[in-house]
Amino acid sequence: MLPHRITEDQTSFISKTFLIRYCEEEVEINDIVLFRAEIDVGPNYLTTEFLLEVDLMFCDLSDLGGPTAWKQNSKFYETRANFKLVQTQSYAMSRLPTGVCEFVPVNF
């Protein structure tokens, strides 16, 4: 499977990919990401709204030879995988302008 990575052009983080084999399967990813946001101190800076947006993407491996072919040569398929958006969740971060860190567990 593909490892986790940061995409500089989209200023985003992509978790490692994983294979779903059956309905309602639970997959523990355990990727931890630390973001740092810098805002100018000015009038009403404490009301600055921060949102964490998380997208769940899906790729049908049957078009690429199935899961066995993917595991054998994931680098070859990395450019051929066509991931599609399945679901999006947004989380409002409170107290961020005051310097308080938040932990946000993500479940789909």
PDB file of N, CA and C in Angstrom:
ATOM      1  N   MET A   1       0.837  -1.181   0.000  1.00  0.00           N
ATOM      2  CA  MET A   1       0.000   0.000   0.000  1.00  0.00           C
ATOM      3  C   MET A   1       0.887   1.251   0.000  1.00  0.00           C
ATOM      4  N   LEU A   2       0.283   2.374  -0.309  1.00  0.00           N
ATOM      5  CA  LEU A   2       1.032   3.625  -0.391  1.00  0.00           C
ATOM      6  C   LEU A   2       1.241   4.214   1.008  1.00  0.00           C
ATOM      7  N   PRO A   3       2.419   4.765   1.280  1.00  0.00           N
ATOM      8  CA  PRO A   3       2.685   5.337   2.608  1.00  0.00           C
ATOM      9  C   PRO A   3       2.020   6.708   2.768  1.00  0.00           C
ATOM     10  N   HIS A   4       1.971   7.187   4.009  1.00  0.00           N
ATOM     11  CA  HIS A   4       1.438   8.529   4.239  1.00  0.00           C
ATOM     12  C   HIS A   4       2.421   9.556   3.689  1.00  0.00           C
ATOM     13  N   ARG A   5       1.891  10.749   3.367  1.00  0.00           N
ATOM     14  CA  ARG A   5       2.739  11.788   2.795  1.00  0.00           C
ATOM     15  C   ARG A   5       2.070  13.158   2.928  1.00  0.00           C
ATOM     16  N   ILE A   6       2.865  14.185   2.751  1.00  0.00           N
ATOM     17  CA  ILE A   6       2.379  15.570   2.755  1.00  0.00           C
ATOM     18  C   ILE A   6       2.435  16.076   1.327  1.00  0.00           C
ATOM     19  N   THR A   7       1.365  16.723   0.895  1.00  0.00           N
ATOM     20  CA  THR A   7       1.359  17.325  -0.435  1.00  0.00           C
ATOM     21  C   THR A   7       1.517  18.831  -0.272  1.00  0.00           C
ATOM     22  N   GLU A   8       2.648  19.338  -0.678  1.00  0.00           N
ATOM     23  CA  GLU A   8       2.951  20.761  -0.518  1.00  0.00           C
ATOM     24  C   GLU A   8       2.039  21.635  -1.372  1.00  0.00           C
ATOM     25  N   ASP A   9       1.719  21.184  -2.591  1.00  0.00           N
ATOM     26  CA  ASP A   9       0.912  22.010  -3.489  1.00  0.00           C
ATOM     27  C   ASP A   9      -0.523  22.187  -2.993  1.00  0.00           C
ATOM     28  N   GLN A  10      -1.047  21.227  -2.250  1.00  0.00           N
ATOM     29  CA  GLN A  10      -2.399  21.333  -1.714  1.00  0.00           C
ATOM     30  C   GLN A  10      -2.401  21.641  -0.219  1.00  0.00           C
ATOM     31  N   THR A  11      -1.231  21.788   0.371  1.00  0.00           N
ATOM     32  CA  THR A  11      -1.066  21.977   1.819  1.00  0.00           C
ATOM     33  C   THR A  11      -1.963  21.022   2.596  1.00  0.00           C
ATOM     34  N   SER A  12      -1.785  19.737   2.318  1.00  0.00           N
ATOM     35  CA  SER A  12      -2.599  18.722   2.962  1.00  0.00           C
ATOM     36  C   SER A  12      -1.760  17.501   3.307  1.00  0.00           C
ATOM     37  N   PHE A  13      -2.354  16.632   4.084  1.00  0.00           N
ATOM     38  CA  PHE A  13      -1.733  15.386   4.504  1.00  0.00           C
ATOM     39  C   PHE A  13      -2.565  14.233   3.955  1.00  0.00           C
ATOM     40  N   ILE A  14      -1.910  13.219   3.425  1.00  0.00           N
ATOM     41  CA  ILE A  14      -2.588  12.026   2.925  1.00  0.00           C
ATOM     42  C   ILE A  14      -2.124  10.852   3.772  1.00  0.00           C
ATOM     43  N   SER A  15      -3.075  10.162   4.392  1.00  0.00           N
ATOM     44  CA  SER A  15      -2.716   9.021   5.235  1.00  0.00           C
ATOM     45  C   SER A  15      -2.290   7.854   4.357  1.00  0.00           C
ATOM     46  N   LYS A  16      -1.728   6.830   4.987  1.00  0.00           N
ATOM     47  CA  LYS A  16      -1.380   5.630   4.232  1.00  0.00           C
ATOM     48  C   LYS A  16      -2.661   5.011   3.673  1.00  0.00           C
ATOM     49  N   THR A  17      -2.539   4.339   2.553  1.00  0.00           N
ATOM     50  CA  THR A  17      -3.702   3.664   1.982  1.00  0.00           C
ATOM     51  C   THR A  17      -3.886   2.321   2.665  1.00  0.00           C
ATOM     52  N   PHE A  18      -5.097   1.810   2.605  1.00  0.00           N
ATOM     53  CA  PHE A  18      -5.392   0.516   3.216  1.00  0.00           C
ATOM     54  C   PHE A  18      -6.437  -0.190   2.381  1.00  0.00           C
ATOM     55  N   LEU A  19      -6.480  -1.485   2.519  1.00  0.00           N
ATOM     56  CA  LEU A  19      -7.370  -2.326   1.734  1.00  0.00           C
ATOM     57  C   LEU A  19      -8.577  -2.728   2.568  1.00  0.00           C
ATOM     58  N   ILE A  20      -9.772  -2.481   2.040  1.00  0.00           N
ATOM     59  CA  ILE A  20     -11.015  -2.907   2.686  1.00  0.00           C
ATOM     60  C   ILE A  20     -11.425  -4.219   2.043  1.00  0.00           C
ATOM     61  N   ARG A  21     -11.586  -5.240   2.855  1.00  0.00           N
ATOM     62  CA  ARG A  21     -11.918  -6.561   2.324  1.00  0.00           C
ATOM     63  C   ARG A  21     -13.383  -6.933   2.515  1.00  0.00           C
ATOM     64  N   TYR A  22     -14.053  -6.344   3.506  1.00  0.00           N
ATOM     65  CA  TYR A  22     -15.461  -6.683   3.742  1.00  0.00           C
ATOM     66  C   TYR A  22     -16.177  -5.485   4.357  1.00  0.00           C
ATOM     67  N   CYS A  23     -17.499  -5.541   4.328  1.00  0.00           N
ATOM     68  CA  CYS A  23     -18.353  -4.466   4.830  1.00  0.00           C
ATOM     69  C   CYS A  23     -18.152  -4.279   6.338  1.00  0.00           C
ATOM     70  N   GLU A  24     -18.158  -3.037   6.790  1.00  0.00           N
ATOM     71  CA  GLU A  24     -18.021  -2.664   8.195  1.00  0.00           C
ATOM     72  C   GLU A  24     -16.697  -3.094   8.815  1.00  0.00           C
ATOM     73  N   GLU A  25     -15.669  -3.244   8.003  1.00  0.00           N
ATOM     74  CA  GLU A  25     -14.335  -3.569   8.518  1.00  0.00           C
ATOM     75  C   GLU A  25     -13.754  -2.339   9.201  1.00  0.00           C
ATOM     76  N   GLU A  26     -13.117  -2.537  10.321  1.00  0.00           N
ATOM     77  CA  GLU A  26     -12.461  -1.454  11.041  1.00  0.00           C
ATOM     78  C   GLU A  26     -10.966  -1.498  10.747  1.00  0.00           C
ATOM     79  N   VAL A  27     -10.421  -0.340  10.371  1.00  0.00           N
ATOM     80  CA  VAL A  27      -8.996  -0.226  10.062  1.00  0.00           C
ATOM     81  C   VAL A  27      -8.415   0.858  10.955  1.00  0.00           C
ATOM     82  N   GLU A  28      -7.408   0.511  11.718  1.00  0.00           N
ATOM     83  CA  GLU A  28      -6.740   1.477  12.581  1.00  0.00           C
ATOM     84  C   GLU A  28      -5.529   2.016  11.831  1.00  0.00           C
ATOM     85  N   ILE A  29      -5.531   3.310  11.565  1.00  0.00           N
ATOM     86  CA  ILE A  29      -4.463   3.911  10.766  1.00  0.00           C
ATOM     87  C   ILE A  29      -3.319   4.407  11.649  1.00  0.00           C
ATOM     88  N   ASN A  30      -3.646   5.075  12.745  1.00  0.00           N
ATOM     89  CA  ASN A  30      -2.650   5.592  13.694  1.00  0.00           C
ATOM     90  C   ASN A  30      -1.672   6.590  13.088  1.00  0.00           C
ATOM     91  N   ASP A  31      -2.097   7.377  12.126  1.00  0.00           N
ATOM     92  CA  ASP A  31      -1.277   8.475  11.618  1.00  0.00           C
ATOM     93  C   ASP A  31      -1.582   9.709  12.462  1.00  0.00           C
ATOM     94  N   ILE A  32      -0.550  10.375  12.912  1.00  0.00           N
ATOM     95  CA  ILE A  32      -0.717  11.587  13.701  1.00  0.00           C
ATOM     96  C   ILE A  32      -0.105  12.734  12.921  1.00  0.00           C
ATOM     97  N   VAL A  33      -0.864  13.833  12.829  1.00  0.00           N
ATOM     98  CA  VAL A  33      -0.419  14.982  12.056  1.00  0.00           C
ATOM     99  C   VAL A  33      -0.428  16.200  12.965  1.00  0.00           C
ATOM    100  N   LEU A  34       0.623  16.970  12.909  1.00  0.00           N
ATOM    101  CA  LEU A  34       0.721  18.196  13.688  1.00  0.00           C
ATOM    102  C   LEU A  34       0.709  19.373  12.714  1.00  0.00           C
ATOM    103  N   PHE A  35      -0.324  20.205  12.821  1.00  0.00           N
ATOM    104  CA  PHE A  35      -0.440  21.401  11.985  1.00  0.00           C
ATOM    105  C   PHE A  35      -0.103  22.615  12.826  1.00  0.00           C
ATOM    106  N   ARG A  36       0.474  23.594  12.189  1.00  0.00           N
ATOM    107  CA  ARG A  36       0.764  24.845  12.874  1.00  0.00           C
ATOM    108  C   ARG A  36       0.145  25.970  12.062  1.00  0.00           C
ATOM    109  N   ALA A  37      -0.648  26.783  12.724  1.00  0.00           N
ATOM    110  CA  ALA A  37      -1.299  27.911  12.061  1.00  0.00           C
ATOM    111  C   ALA A  37      -0.809  29.197  12.702  1.00  0.00           C
ATOM    112  N   GLU A  38      -0.476  30.161  11.884  1.00  0.00           N
ATOM    113  CA  GLU A  38      -0.038  31.459  12.383  1.00  0.00           C
ATOM    114  C   GLU A  38      -1.019  32.514  11.893  1.00  0.00           C
ATOM    115  N   ILE A  39      -1.533  33.312  12.839  1.00  0.00           N
ATOM    116  CA  ILE A  39      -2.469  34.383  12.484  1.00  0.00           C
ATOM    117  C   ILE A  39      -1.959  35.683  13.066  1.00  0.00           C
ATOM    118  N   ASP A  40      -2.289  36.776  12.399  1.00  0.00           N
ATOM    119  CA  ASP A  40      -1.905  38.094  12.885  1.00  0.00           C
ATOM    120  C   ASP A  40      -2.791  38.478  14.066  1.00  0.00           C
ATOM    121  N   VAL A  41      -2.160  39.047  15.087  1.00  0.00           N
ATOM    122  CA  VAL A  41      -2.917  39.512  16.239  1.00  0.00           C
ATOM    123  C   VAL A  41      -3.489  40.873  15.876  1.00  0.00           C
ATOM    124  N   GLY A  42      -4.775  40.923  15.880  1.00  0.00           N
ATOM    125  CA  GLY A  42      -5.470  42.167  15.542  1.00  0.00           C
ATOM    126  C   GLY A  42      -6.842  42.140  16.171  1.00  0.00           C
ATOM    127  N   PRO A  43      -7.648  43.115  15.825  1.00  0.00           N
ATOM    128  CA  PRO A  43      -9.007  43.111  16.364  1.00  0.00           C
ATOM    129  C   PRO A  43      -9.736  41.817  15.995  1.00  0.00           C
ATOM    130  N   ASN A  44     -10.380  41.242  16.953  1.00  0.00           N
ATOM    131  CA  ASN A  44     -11.205  40.043  16.759  1.00  0.00           C
ATOM    132  C   ASN A  44     -10.420  38.808  16.319  1.00  0.00           C
ATOM    133  N   TYR A  45      -9.123  38.746  16.583  1.00  0.00           N
ATOM    134  CA  TYR A  45      -8.365  37.562  16.163  1.00  0.00           C
ATOM    135  C   TYR A  45      -8.788  36.313  16.933  1.00  0.00           C
ATOM    136  N   LEU A  46      -9.356  36.500  18.126  1.00  0.00           N
ATOM    137  CA  LEU A  46      -9.810  35.344  18.899  1.00  0.00           C
ATOM    138  C   LEU A  46     -11.049  34.688  18.290  1.00  0.00           C
ATOM    139  N   THR A  47     -11.705  35.354  17.378  1.00  0.00           N
ATOM    140  CA  THR A  47     -12.882  34.777  16.726  1.00  0.00           C
ATOM    141  C   THR A  47     -12.539  34.156  15.373  1.00  0.00           C
ATOM    142  N   THR A  48     -11.251  34.051  15.059  1.00  0.00           N
ATOM    143  CA  THR A  48     -10.844  33.424  13.805  1.00  0.00           C
ATOM    144  C   THR A  48     -11.323  31.981  13.783  1.00  0.00           C
ATOM    145  N   GLU A  49     -11.982  31.608  12.702  1.00  0.00           N
ATOM    146  CA  GLU A  49     -12.537  30.257  12.596  1.00  0.00           C
ATOM    147  C   GLU A  49     -11.538  29.325  11.924  1.00  0.00           C
ATOM    148  N   PHE A  50     -11.283  28.183  12.546  1.00  0.00           N
ATOM    149  CA  PHE A  50     -10.418  27.160  11.983  1.00  0.00           C
ATOM    150  C   PHE A  50     -11.236  25.901  11.758  1.00  0.00           C
ATOM    151  N   LEU A  51     -11.113  25.338  10.576  1.00  0.00           N
ATOM    152  CA  LEU A  51     -11.808  24.092  10.256  1.00  0.00           C
ATOM    153  C   LEU A  51     -10.801  23.052   9.801  1.00  0.00           C
ATOM    154  N   LEU A  52     -10.980  21.851  10.276  1.00  0.00           N
ATOM    155  CA  LEU A  52     -10.214  20.712   9.807  1.00  0.00           C
ATOM    156  C   LEU A  52     -11.140  19.920   8.895  1.00  0.00           C
ATOM    157  N   GLU A  53     -10.767  19.789   7.623  1.00  0.00           N
ATOM    158  CA  GLU A  53     -11.600  19.067   6.674  1.00  0.00           C
ATOM    159  C   GLU A  53     -10.925  17.748   6.325  1.00  0.00           C
ATOM    160  N   VAL A  54     -11.677  16.652   6.453  1.00  0.00           N
ATOM    161  CA  VAL A  54     -11.158  15.311   6.227  1.00  0.00           C
ATOM    162  C   VAL A  54     -11.973  14.660   5.124  1.00  0.00           C
ATOM    163  N   ASP A  55     -11.277  14.139   4.108  1.00  0.00           N
ATOM    164  CA  ASP A  55     -11.937  13.474   2.985  1.00  0.00           C
ATOM    165  C   ASP A  55     -11.623  11.986   3.004  1.00  0.00           C
ATOM    166  N   LEU A  56     -12.631  11.169   2.752  1.00  0.00           N
ATOM    167  CA  LEU A  56     -12.453   9.729   2.596  1.00  0.00           C
ATOM    168  C   LEU A  56     -12.493   9.438   1.105  1.00  0.00           C
ATOM    169  N   MET A  57     -11.419   8.837   0.594  1.00  0.00           N
ATOM    170  CA  MET A  57     -11.289   8.563  -0.836  1.00  0.00           C
ATOM    171  C   MET A  57     -11.342   7.053  -1.070  1.00  0.00           C
ATOM    172  N   PHE A  58     -11.770   6.659  -2.286  1.00  0.00           N
ATOM    173  CA  PHE A  58     -11.920   5.254  -2.642  1.00  0.00           C
ATOM    174  C   PHE A  58     -11.350   5.016  -4.037  1.00  0.00           C
ATOM    175  N   CYS A  59     -10.702   3.858  -4.215  1.00  0.00           N
ATOM    176  CA  CYS A  59     -10.185   3.449  -5.518  1.00  0.00           C
ATOM    177  C   CYS A  59     -10.578   1.995  -5.750  1.00  0.00           C
ATOM    178  N   ASP A  60     -11.210   1.722  -6.890  1.00  0.00           N
ATOM    179  CA  ASP A  60     -11.597   0.357  -7.253  1.00  0.00           C
ATOM    180  C   ASP A  60     -10.377  -0.337  -7.860  1.00  0.00           C
ATOM    181  N   LEU A  61      -9.836  -1.326  -7.154  1.00  0.00           N
ATOM    182  CA  LEU A  61      -8.619  -2.005  -7.614  1.00  0.00           C
ATOM    183  C   LEU A  61      -8.868  -3.021  -8.711  1.00  0.00           C
ATOM    184  N   SER A  62     -10.121  -3.357  -8.974  1.00  0.00           N
ATOM    185  CA  SER A  62     -10.397  -4.341 -10.027  1.00  0.00           C
ATOM    186  C   SER A  62      -9.961  -3.814 -11.397  1.00  0.00           C
ATOM    187  N   ASP A  63      -9.963  -2.492 -11.571  1.00  0.00           N
ATOM    188  CA  ASP A  63      -9.500  -1.894 -12.834  1.00  0.00           C
ATOM    189  C   ASP A  63      -7.978  -1.975 -12.982  1.00  0.00           C
ATOM    190  N   LEU A  64      -7.275  -2.226 -11.870  1.00  0.00           N
ATOM    191  CA  LEU A  64      -5.808  -2.237 -11.874  1.00  0.00           C
ATOM    192  C   LEU A  64      -5.223  -3.634 -11.674  1.00  0.00           C
ATOM    193  N   GLY A  65      -6.028  -4.643 -11.806  1.00  0.00           N
ATOM    194  CA  GLY A  65      -5.524  -6.009 -11.648  1.00  0.00           C
ATOM    195  C   GLY A  65      -5.817  -6.624 -10.301  1.00  0.00           C
ATOM    196  N   GLY A  66      -6.553  -5.937  -9.440  1.00  0.00           N
ATOM    197  CA  GLY A  66      -6.934  -6.480  -8.146  1.00  0.00           C
ATOM    198  C   GLY A  66      -5.935  -6.198  -7.049  1.00  0.00           C
ATOM    199  N   PRO A  67      -6.272  -6.576  -5.811  1.00  0.00           N
ATOM    200  CA  PRO A  67      -5.414  -6.286  -4.659  1.00  0.00           C
ATOM    201  C   PRO A  67      -4.066  -6.998  -4.701  1.00  0.00           C
ATOM    202  N   THR A  68      -4.014  -8.187  -5.283  1.00  0.00           N
ATOM    203  CA  THR A  68      -2.744  -8.923  -5.334  1.00  0.00           C
ATOM    204  C   THR A  68      -1.725  -8.175  -6.178  1.00  0.00           C
ATOM    205  N   ALA A  69      -2.138  -7.705  -7.340  1.00  0.00           N
ATOM    206  CA  ALA A  69      -1.229  -6.944  -8.213  1.00  0.00           C
ATOM    207  C   ALA A  69      -0.808  -5.640  -7.547  1.00  0.00           C
ATOM    208  N   TRP A  70      -1.733  -5.013  -6.817  1.00  0.00           N
ATOM    209  CA  TRP A  70      -1.428  -3.756  -6.131  1.00  0.00           C
ATOM    210  C   TRP A  70      -0.348  -3.961  -5.070  1.00  0.00           C
ATOM    211  N   LYS A  71      -0.465  -5.016  -4.278  1.00  0.00           N
ATOM    212  CA  LYS A  71       0.510  -5.276  -3.215  1.00  0.00           C
ATOM    213  C   LYS A  71       1.889  -5.603  -3.773  1.00  0.00           C
ATOM    214  N   GLN A  72       1.941  -6.256  -4.917  1.00  0.00           N
ATOM    215  CA  GLN A  72       3.225  -6.655  -5.492  1.00  0.00           C
ATOM    216  C   GLN A  72       4.001  -5.462  -6.042  1.00  0.00           C
ATOM    217  N   ASN A  73       3.311  -4.465  -6.571  1.00  0.00           N
ATOM    218  CA  ASN A  73       4.007  -3.342  -7.188  1.00  0.00           C
ATOM    219  C   ASN A  73       3.208  -2.059  -6.998  1.00  0.00           C
ATOM    220  N   SER A  74       3.086  -1.595  -5.763  1.00  0.00           N
ATOM    221  CA  SER A  74       2.262  -0.423  -5.475  1.00  0.00           C
ATOM    222  C   SER A  74       2.829   0.851  -6.100  1.00  0.00           C
ATOM    223  N   LYS A  75       4.143   0.952  -6.247  1.00  0.00           N
ATOM    224  CA  LYS A  75       4.743   2.150  -6.857  1.00  0.00           C
ATOM    225  C   LYS A  75       4.316   2.292  -8.317  1.00  0.00           C
ATOM    226  N   PHE A  76       4.183   1.181  -9.027  1.00  0.00           N
ATOM    227  CA  PHE A  76       3.751   1.198 -10.425  1.00  0.00           C
ATOM    228  C   PHE A  76       2.318   1.724 -10.538  1.00  0.00           C
ATOM    229  N   TYR A  77       1.473   1.357  -9.585  1.00  0.00           N
ATOM    230  CA  TYR A  77       0.065   1.734  -9.629  1.00  0.00           C
ATOM    231  C   TYR A  77      -0.211   3.088  -8.985  1.00  0.00           C
ATOM    232  N   GLU A  78       0.778   3.653  -8.322  1.00  0.00           N
ATOM    233  CA  GLU A  78       0.574   4.918  -7.620  1.00  0.00           C
ATOM    234  C   GLU A  78       0.077   6.009  -8.559  1.00  0.00           C
ATOM    235  N   THR A  79       0.597   6.068  -9.770  1.00  0.00           N
ATOM    236  CA  THR A  79       0.175   7.083 -10.723  1.00  0.00           C
ATOM    237  C   THR A  79      -1.098   6.683 -11.460  1.00  0.00           C
ATOM    238  N   ARG A  80      -1.447   5.408 -11.445  1.00  0.00           N
ATOM    239  CA  ARG A  80      -2.628   4.932 -12.168  1.00  0.00           C
ATOM    240  C   ARG A  80      -3.888   4.854 -11.308  1.00  0.00           C
ATOM    241  N   ALA A  81      -3.736   4.923 -10.012  1.00  0.00           N
ATOM    242  CA  ALA A  81      -4.891   4.814  -9.112  1.00  0.00           C
ATOM    243  C   ALA A  81      -5.772   6.049  -9.259  1.00  0.00           C
ATOM    244  N   ASN A  82      -7.045   5.832  -9.436  1.00  0.00           N
ATOM    245  CA  ASN A  82      -8.012   6.912  -9.593  1.00  0.00           C
ATOM    246  C   ASN A  82      -8.896   6.958  -8.352  1.00  0.00           C
ATOM    247  N   PHE A  83      -8.490   7.737  -7.368  1.00  0.00           N
ATOM    248  CA  PHE A  83      -9.238   7.843  -6.119  1.00  0.00           C
ATOM    249  C   PHE A  83     -10.401   8.810  -6.298  1.00  0.00           C
ATOM    250  N   LYS A  84     -11.560   8.420  -5.766  1.00  0.00           N
ATOM    251  CA  LYS A  84     -12.770   9.233  -5.851  1.00  0.00           C
ATOM    252  C   LYS A  84     -13.236   9.584  -4.442  1.00  0.00           C
ATOM    253  N   LEU A  85     -13.773  10.787  -4.296  1.00  0.00           N
ATOM    254  CA  LEU A  85     -14.271  11.254  -3.006  1.00  0.00           C
ATOM    255  C   LEU A  85     -15.529  10.493  -2.617  1.00  0.00           C
ATOM    256  N   VAL A  86     -15.537   9.933  -1.400  1.00  0.00           N
ATOM    257  CA  VAL A  86     -16.684   9.188  -0.898  1.00  0.00           C
ATOM    258  C   VAL A  86     -17.430  10.000   0.158  1.00  0.00           C
ATOM    259  N   GLN A  87     -16.694  10.624   1.077  1.00  0.00           N
ATOM    260  CA  GLN A  87     -17.321  11.376   2.160  1.00  0.00           C
ATOM    261  C   GLN A  87     -16.370  12.454   2.656  1.00  0.00           C
ATOM    262  N   THR A  88     -16.932  13.551   3.151  1.00  0.00           N
ATOM    263  CA  THR A  88     -16.159  14.642   3.736  1.00  0.00           C
ATOM    264  C   THR A  88     -16.719  14.964   5.111  1.00  0.00           C
ATOM    265  N   GLN A  89     -15.822  15.213   6.060  1.00  0.00           N
ATOM    266  CA  GLN A  89     -16.234  15.656   7.392  1.00  0.00           C
ATOM    267  C   GLN A  89     -15.446  16.909   7.734  1.00  0.00           C
ATOM    268  N   SER A  90     -16.109  17.871   8.357  1.00  0.00           N
ATOM    269  CA  SER A  90     -15.457  19.098   8.807  1.00  0.00           C
ATOM    270  C   SER A  90     -15.547  19.187  10.319  1.00  0.00           C
ATOM    271  N   TYR A  91     -14.444  19.564  10.932  1.00  0.00           N
ATOM    272  CA  TYR A  91     -14.375  19.709  12.379  1.00  0.00           C
ATOM    273  C   TYR A  91     -13.991  21.152  12.700  1.00  0.00           C
ATOM    274  N   ALA A  92     -14.779  21.804  13.548  1.00  0.00           N
ATOM    275  CA  ALA A  92     -14.467  23.161  13.983  1.00  0.00           C
ATOM    276  C   ALA A  92     -13.475  23.084  15.133  1.00  0.00           C
ATOM    277  N   MET A  93     -12.363  23.771  14.974  1.00  0.00           N
ATOM    278  CA  MET A  93     -11.340  23.798  16.013  1.00  0.00           C
ATOM    279  C   MET A  93     -11.609  24.997  16.920  1.00  0.00           C
ATOM    280  N   SER A  94     -11.852  24.718  18.181  1.00  0.00           N
ATOM    281  CA  SER A  94     -12.097  25.802  19.129  1.00  0.00           C
ATOM    282  C   SER A  94     -10.832  26.065  19.933  1.00  0.00           C
ATOM    283  N   ARG A  95     -10.690  27.270  20.377  1.00  0.00           N
ATOM    284  CA  ARG A  95      -9.570  27.695  21.235  1.00  0.00           C
ATOM    285  C   ARG A  95      -8.219  27.680  20.536  1.00  0.00           C
ATOM    286  N   LEU A  96      -8.160  27.483  19.230  1.00  0.00           N
ATOM    287  CA  LEU A  96      -6.860  27.488  18.558  1.00  0.00           C
ATOM    288  C   LEU A  96      -6.149  28.836  18.633  1.00  0.00           C
ATOM    289  N   PRO A  97      -6.855  29.971  18.442  1.00  0.00           N
ATOM    290  CA  PRO A  97      -6.136  31.251  18.522  1.00  0.00           C
ATOM    291  C   PRO A  97      -5.513  31.522  19.881  1.00  0.00           C
ATOM    292  N   THR A  98      -5.950  30.830  20.930  1.00  0.00           N
ATOM    293  CA  THR A  98      -5.361  31.038  22.250  1.00  0.00           C
ATOM    294  C   THR A  98      -4.170  30.122  22.491  1.00  0.00           C
ATOM    295  N   GLY A  99      -3.832  29.285  21.512  1.00  0.00           N
ATOM    296  CA  GLY A  99      -2.658  28.438  21.626  1.00  0.00           C
ATOM    297  C   GLY A  99      -2.920  27.072  22.223  1.00  0.00           C
ATOM    298  N   VAL A 100      -4.170  26.703  22.370  1.00  0.00           N
ATOM    299  CA  VAL A 100      -4.515  25.411  22.938  1.00  0.00           C
ATOM    300  C   VAL A 100      -4.526  24.363  21.839  1.00  0.00           C
ATOM    301  N   CYS A 101      -3.877  23.248  22.082  1.00  0.00           N
ATOM    302  CA  CYS A 101      -3.844  22.151  21.108  1.00  0.00           C
ATOM    303  C   CYS A 101      -5.112  21.316  21.235  1.00  0.00           C
ATOM    304  N   GLU A 102      -5.500  20.698  20.125  1.00  0.00           N
ATOM    305  CA  GLU A 102      -6.680  19.836  20.133  1.00  0.00           C
ATOM    306  C   GLU A 102      -6.349  18.491  19.518  1.00  0.00           C
ATOM    307  N   PHE A 103      -6.994  17.470  20.039  1.00  0.00           N
ATOM    308  CA  PHE A 103      -6.896  16.118  19.499  1.00  0.00           C
ATOM    309  C   PHE A 103      -8.234  15.804  18.851  1.00  0.00           C
ATOM    310  N   VAL A 104      -8.205  15.403  17.585  1.00  0.00           N
ATOM    311  CA  VAL A 104      -9.451  15.132  16.861  1.00  0.00           C
ATOM    312  C   VAL A 104      -9.394  13.712  16.291  1.00  0.00           C
ATOM    313  N   PRO A 105     -10.056  12.754  16.944  1.00  0.00           N
ATOM    314  CA  PRO A 105     -10.136  11.421  16.359  1.00  0.00           C
ATOM    315  C   PRO A 105     -11.133  11.448  15.198  1.00  0.00           C
ATOM    316  N   VAL A 106     -10.767  10.850  14.078  1.00  0.00           N
ATOM    317  CA  VAL A 106     -11.601  10.872  12.878  1.00  0.00           C
ATOM    318  C   VAL A 106     -12.153   9.474  12.634  1.00  0.00           C
ATOM    319  N   ASN A 107     -13.460   9.393  12.492  1.00  0.00           N
ATOM    320  CA  ASN A 107     -14.126   8.129  12.179  1.00  0.00           C
ATOM    321  C   ASN A 107     -15.071   8.341  11.009  1.00  0.00           C
ATOM    322  N   PHE A 108     -15.065   7.406  10.088  1.00  0.00           N
ATOM    323  CA  PHE A 108     -16.024   7.428   8.980  1.00  0.00           C
ATOM    324  C   PHE A 108     -16.926   6.230   9.104  1.00  0.00           C
TER     325      PHE A 108
END
